[in-house]
Amino acid sequence: MATTTIKSTYSLDVETVRTLEELASRWNTSKSEVVRRAIKAAAARDESADGPLAALRQLQDSVRSRGVDLDQWVREVRAERRAWTMSPPTHEARGE
């Protein structure tokens, strides 16, 4: 099956062109194919970056649905951290 291609012109710095040529040589393919593969790989990484963020949003929504006030929780954690940095507990206080 034939693939439709579109001729495009881009300006690249010298280092990028050298890298492009090295990859084309190493992969035994055209520079155009190297660019296509790089774009596909970048797009795949970008899509997978949404995975952890989506999971975090889902977790936060789940906690909120249980009536937990996340803003209050954040305030409490920050207060605890400030208290810790002002006077960290001694070894005895931590049970050591």
Foldseek 3Di string as FASTA:
>chain_A
DDDDDDDDDDDDDPVVVVVLVVVCVVVVHDSVVVVVVVVVVVVVVVVVVVVVVVVVVVVVVVCVVVVDDVVVVVVVVVVVVVVCVVPNDDPVVVVD
